[in-house]
Amino acid sequence: MSLVPQHINKSGYSNQEIDKIGNTLIYLTNNITGLTKTQALKYLYLLDEFSIKKFGIPFIGLKYEVWQYGPVAQDIFLELTEEQPKMLKDYIYIELERFQHYQYLYLKTKKSFIDDEFTDSDIEILEFVTTKYKNLNATELSDLTHAKNSLWHNIALEQNLLEAFRTNRKRASNFIIDFSIILDEEKKEIYNSYNDNIEINRHYSNV
């Protein structure tokens, strides 16, 4: 599989990226009992973080903003809020369940998992993260991704967001998680090169 997407969809993601996101969510739904929207968002972040830490290359390469309850890929958040996703409509749908004053969004699959867009390293990361965290609920996953000294925590601290988040005066921000700060020089070079190639390819694909 090429590291650089070749055709850009109107959503801003390449068809390869959409296929990988969709099949990742299918895999997670098949392997995590009762996968909710919140859990899915946290797993996507953990997959990228673990892959970048180990290989210097993102699992998918989503951009994560610093929100109140942890890092969130905003576009995927919006996609999973709708009962009938648009970008991922061929892969999943959302089932809404209400209980008392709460509502829960559960992911359901439309097709079987296909690993065409996954490298051996991807499968390794996918299996590792799923096995390691499959018993954590949404709250526990949220706590994990915005724990003290995490990337989220350090950026929120630097940007004076912690108090605003704690007191509910702010729910989200536009600050992006910078994974490069946790990498050694060799992996940082790999990571930056990957991102440069993605941006260049997207630019010329949309000209």
Protein backbone atom coordinates (compact mmCIF):
# COMPACT_ATOMS: atom_id res chain seq x y z
CA MET A 1 0.00 0.00 0.00
CA SER A 2 1.27 3.46 -0.91
CA LEU A 3 1.88 5.79 2.00
CA VAL A 4 0.49 8.68 -0.05
CA PRO A 5 -3.17 8.68 -1.15
CA GLN A 6 -3.69 9.00 -4.88
CA HIS A 7 -7.29 10.17 -5.24
CA ILE A 8 -8.93 12.75 -3.00
CA ASN A 9 -12.63 12.40 -2.18
CA LYS A 10 -14.83 15.49 -1.76
CA SER A 11 -14.73 14.89 2.00
CA GLY A 12 -11.04 15.86 2.00
CA TYR A 13 -9.89 12.29 2.63
CA SER A 14 -8.54 10.01 -0.06
CA ASN A 15 -10.60 6.98 -1.02
CA GLN A 16 -7.86 4.88 0.55
CA GLU A 17 -8.17 6.78 3.82
CA ILE A 18 -11.97 6.47 3.87
CA ASP A 19 -11.65 2.73 3.26
CA LYS A 20 -9.14 2.42 6.08
CA ILE A 21 -11.22 4.47 8.52
CA GLY A 22 -14.34 2.51 7.59
CA ASN A 23 -12.69 -0.88 7.96
CA THR A 24 -11.01 0.16 11.19
CA LEU A 25 -14.44 0.99 12.62
CA ILE A 26 -15.78 -2.32 11.33
CA TYR A 27 -12.93 -4.16 13.06
CA LEU A 28 -13.50 -2.28 16.31
CA THR A 29 -17.25 -2.87 16.18
CA ASN A 30 -16.70 -6.59 15.62
CA ASN A 31 -14.21 -6.89 18.47
CA ILE A 32 -15.55 -4.48 21.10
CA THR A 33 -18.93 -5.44 22.55
CA GLY A 34 -21.40 -2.57 22.27
CA LEU A 35 -18.98 -0.09 20.70
CA THR A 36 -20.25 3.46 21.23
CA LYS A 37 -19.41 6.63 19.34
CA THR A 38 -17.26 7.88 22.21
CA GLN A 39 -15.32 4.62 22.43
CA ALA A 40 -14.74 4.59 18.67
CA LEU A 41 -13.34 8.12 18.73
CA LYS A 42 -10.98 7.24 21.58
CA TYR A 43 -9.79 4.06 19.83
CA LEU A 44 -8.98 5.99 16.65
CA TYR A 45 -6.82 8.35 18.67
CA LEU A 46 -5.06 5.53 20.52
CA LEU A 47 -4.34 3.72 17.25
CA ASP A 48 -2.68 6.80 15.78
CA GLU A 49 -0.73 7.55 18.96
CA PHE A 50 0.58 4.01 19.39
CA SER A 51 1.49 3.70 15.71
CA ILE A 52 3.34 7.02 15.71
CA LYS A 53 5.19 6.14 18.90
CA LYS A 54 6.29 2.77 17.57
CA PHE A 55 6.89 3.40 13.87
CA GLY A 56 6.85 7.17 13.37
CA ILE A 57 3.94 6.72 10.95
CA PRO A 58 0.27 7.36 11.83
CA PHE A 59 -2.20 4.50 11.75
CA ILE A 60 -4.65 6.69 9.84
CA GLY A 61 -3.33 10.22 10.27
CA LEU A 62 -6.36 12.08 11.61
CA LYS A 63 -6.03 15.53 13.14
CA TYR A 64 -7.09 15.62 16.77
CA GLU A 65 -8.27 18.77 18.49
CA VAL A 66 -7.95 19.39 22.22
CA TRP A 67 -11.52 19.12 23.55
CA GLN A 68 -12.85 19.02 27.08
CA TYR A 69 -12.79 15.25 27.44
CA GLY A 70 -9.73 14.46 25.41
CA PRO A 71 -8.42 14.57 21.84
CA VAL A 72 -11.14 14.40 19.17
CA ALA A 73 -11.06 14.11 15.38
CA GLN A 74 -13.79 16.67 14.72
CA ASP A 75 -14.86 15.48 11.27
CA ILE A 76 -15.21 11.88 12.46
CA PHE A 77 -17.06 13.12 15.56
CA LEU A 78 -19.61 14.83 13.30
CA GLU A 79 -19.80 11.81 11.00
CA LEU A 80 -20.63 9.47 13.89
CA THR A 81 -23.25 11.85 15.29
CA GLU A 82 -25.60 11.10 12.41
CA GLU A 83 -27.64 7.90 12.34
CA GLN A 84 -26.78 7.60 8.65
CA PRO A 85 -23.14 8.65 8.17
CA LYS A 86 -22.26 10.18 4.81
CA MET A 87 -18.55 9.60 4.25
CA LEU A 88 -18.68 6.18 5.94
CA LYS A 89 -22.14 5.17 4.71
CA ASP A 90 -20.82 2.05 2.98
CA TYR A 91 -19.20 0.74 6.16
CA ILE A 92 -21.28 1.54 9.23
CA TYR A 93 -24.52 2.99 10.51
CA ILE A 94 -25.42 4.42 13.91
CA GLU A 95 -28.06 2.95 16.20
CA LEU A 96 -29.54 5.34 18.77
CA GLU A 97 -30.70 4.01 22.13
CA ARG A 98 -32.32 6.10 24.86
CA PHE A 99 -32.27 5.28 28.56
CA GLN A 100 -33.96 7.68 30.97
CA HIS A 101 -32.37 11.10 30.25
CA TYR A 102 -29.43 9.69 28.31
CA GLN A 103 -28.93 8.64 24.72
CA TYR A 104 -26.26 6.30 23.41
CA LEU A 105 -24.92 6.02 19.88
CA TYR A 106 -23.78 2.52 18.93
CA LEU A 107 -21.85 1.60 15.81
CA LYS A 108 -23.21 -1.18 13.60
CA THR A 109 -21.47 -2.67 10.59
CA LYS A 110 -22.73 -2.92 7.02
CA LYS A 111 -20.10 -5.31 5.68
CA SER A 112 -17.26 -7.60 6.73
CA PHE A 113 -13.79 -6.35 7.63
CA ILE A 114 -11.40 -6.10 4.67
CA ASP A 115 -7.70 -5.55 5.32
CA ASP A 116 -6.59 -4.36 1.86
CA GLU A 117 -5.44 -0.94 3.14
CA PHE A 118 -3.64 -2.33 6.20
CA THR A 119 0.04 -3.18 6.47
CA ASP A 120 1.32 -5.91 8.77
CA SER A 121 2.34 -3.15 11.18
CA ASP A 122 -1.20 -1.74 11.07
CA ILE A 123 -2.69 -5.11 11.97
CA GLU A 124 -0.18 -5.45 14.80
CA ILE A 125 -1.21 -2.07 16.24
CA LEU A 126 -4.91 -2.77 15.71
CA GLU A 127 -4.76 -6.09 17.53
CA PHE A 128 -2.60 -4.69 20.33
CA VAL A 129 -4.77 -1.67 21.10
CA THR A 130 -8.01 -3.63 20.85
CA THR A 131 -6.77 -6.36 23.17
CA LYS A 132 -5.24 -3.92 25.65
CA TYR A 133 -8.26 -1.66 26.06
CA LYS A 134 -11.31 -3.73 25.09
CA ASN A 135 -12.55 -3.95 28.68
CA LEU A 136 -12.56 -0.17 29.22
CA ASN A 137 -15.84 1.71 28.97
CA ALA A 138 -16.23 5.13 27.34
CA THR A 139 -15.52 7.04 30.54
CA GLU A 140 -12.37 5.03 31.27
CA LEU A 141 -11.09 5.53 27.71
CA SER A 142 -11.78 9.24 27.99
CA ASP A 143 -9.89 9.41 31.28
CA LEU A 144 -6.98 7.57 29.65
CA THR A 145 -6.66 9.94 26.70
CA HIS A 146 -6.73 13.13 28.77
CA ALA A 147 -4.81 11.92 31.81
CA LYS A 148 -2.13 14.06 33.45
CA ASN A 149 1.08 14.25 31.37
CA SER A 150 -0.70 12.98 28.27
CA LEU A 151 -0.28 14.93 25.03
CA TRP A 152 -3.78 16.34 25.54
CA HIS A 153 -3.02 17.42 29.11
CA ASN A 154 0.27 19.09 28.22
CA ILE A 155 -1.24 21.11 25.38
CA ALA A 156 -4.30 22.06 27.44
CA LEU A 157 -1.96 23.17 30.22
CA GLU A 158 0.23 25.22 27.87
CA GLN A 159 -2.79 26.94 26.34
CA ASN A 160 -4.48 27.65 29.70
CA LEU A 161 -7.48 25.46 28.89
CA LEU A 162 -7.59 23.17 31.93
CA GLU A 163 -9.57 25.48 34.20
CA ALA A 164 -12.01 26.40 31.45
CA PHE A 165 -12.56 22.71 30.71
CA ARG A 166 -12.92 21.85 34.40
CA THR A 167 -15.58 24.49 34.98
CA ASN A 168 -17.43 23.73 31.73
CA ARG A 169 -16.77 27.23 30.39
CA LYS A 170 -15.21 25.69 27.32
CA ARG A 171 -16.04 22.40 25.63
CA ALA A 172 -13.64 22.43 22.70
CA SER A 173 -10.67 24.21 21.15
CA ASN A 174 -8.92 24.40 17.79
CA PHE A 175 -5.52 23.40 19.17
CA ILE A 176 -4.17 20.32 17.40
CA ILE A 177 -2.35 17.43 19.08
CA ASP A 178 1.28 17.53 17.93
CA PHE A 179 2.59 13.97 18.02
CA SER A 180 6.07 14.99 16.94
CA ILE A 181 6.95 16.25 20.43
CA ILE A 182 7.03 12.69 21.80
CA LEU A 183 9.33 11.31 19.09
CA ASP A 184 13.08 10.92 18.89
CA GLU A 185 14.83 12.60 15.97
CA GLU A 186 14.73 9.57 13.68
CA LYS A 187 11.01 8.94 14.11
CA LYS A 188 10.27 12.66 14.00
CA GLU A 189 11.89 12.83 10.56
CA ILE A 190 9.78 9.88 9.39
CA TYR A 191 6.63 11.46 10.82
CA ASN A 192 7.24 14.90 9.33
CA SER A 193 8.14 13.41 5.95
CA TYR A 194 4.92 11.38 5.95
CA ASN A 195 2.83 14.46 6.72
CA ASP A 196 4.63 16.57 4.10
CA ASN A 197 3.96 13.94 1.44
CA ILE A 198 0.29 13.75 2.38
CA GLU A 199 -0.14 17.52 2.18
CA ILE A 200 1.74 17.81 -1.13
CA ASN A 201 -0.27 15.01 -2.70
CA ARG A 202 -3.56 16.50 -1.51
CA HIS A 203 -2.61 19.92 -2.83
CA TYR A 204 -1.84 18.70 -6.34
CA SER A 205 -4.79 16.31 -6.38
CA ASN A 206 -7.14 19.24 -5.80
CA VAL A 207 -5.56 21.64 -8.31
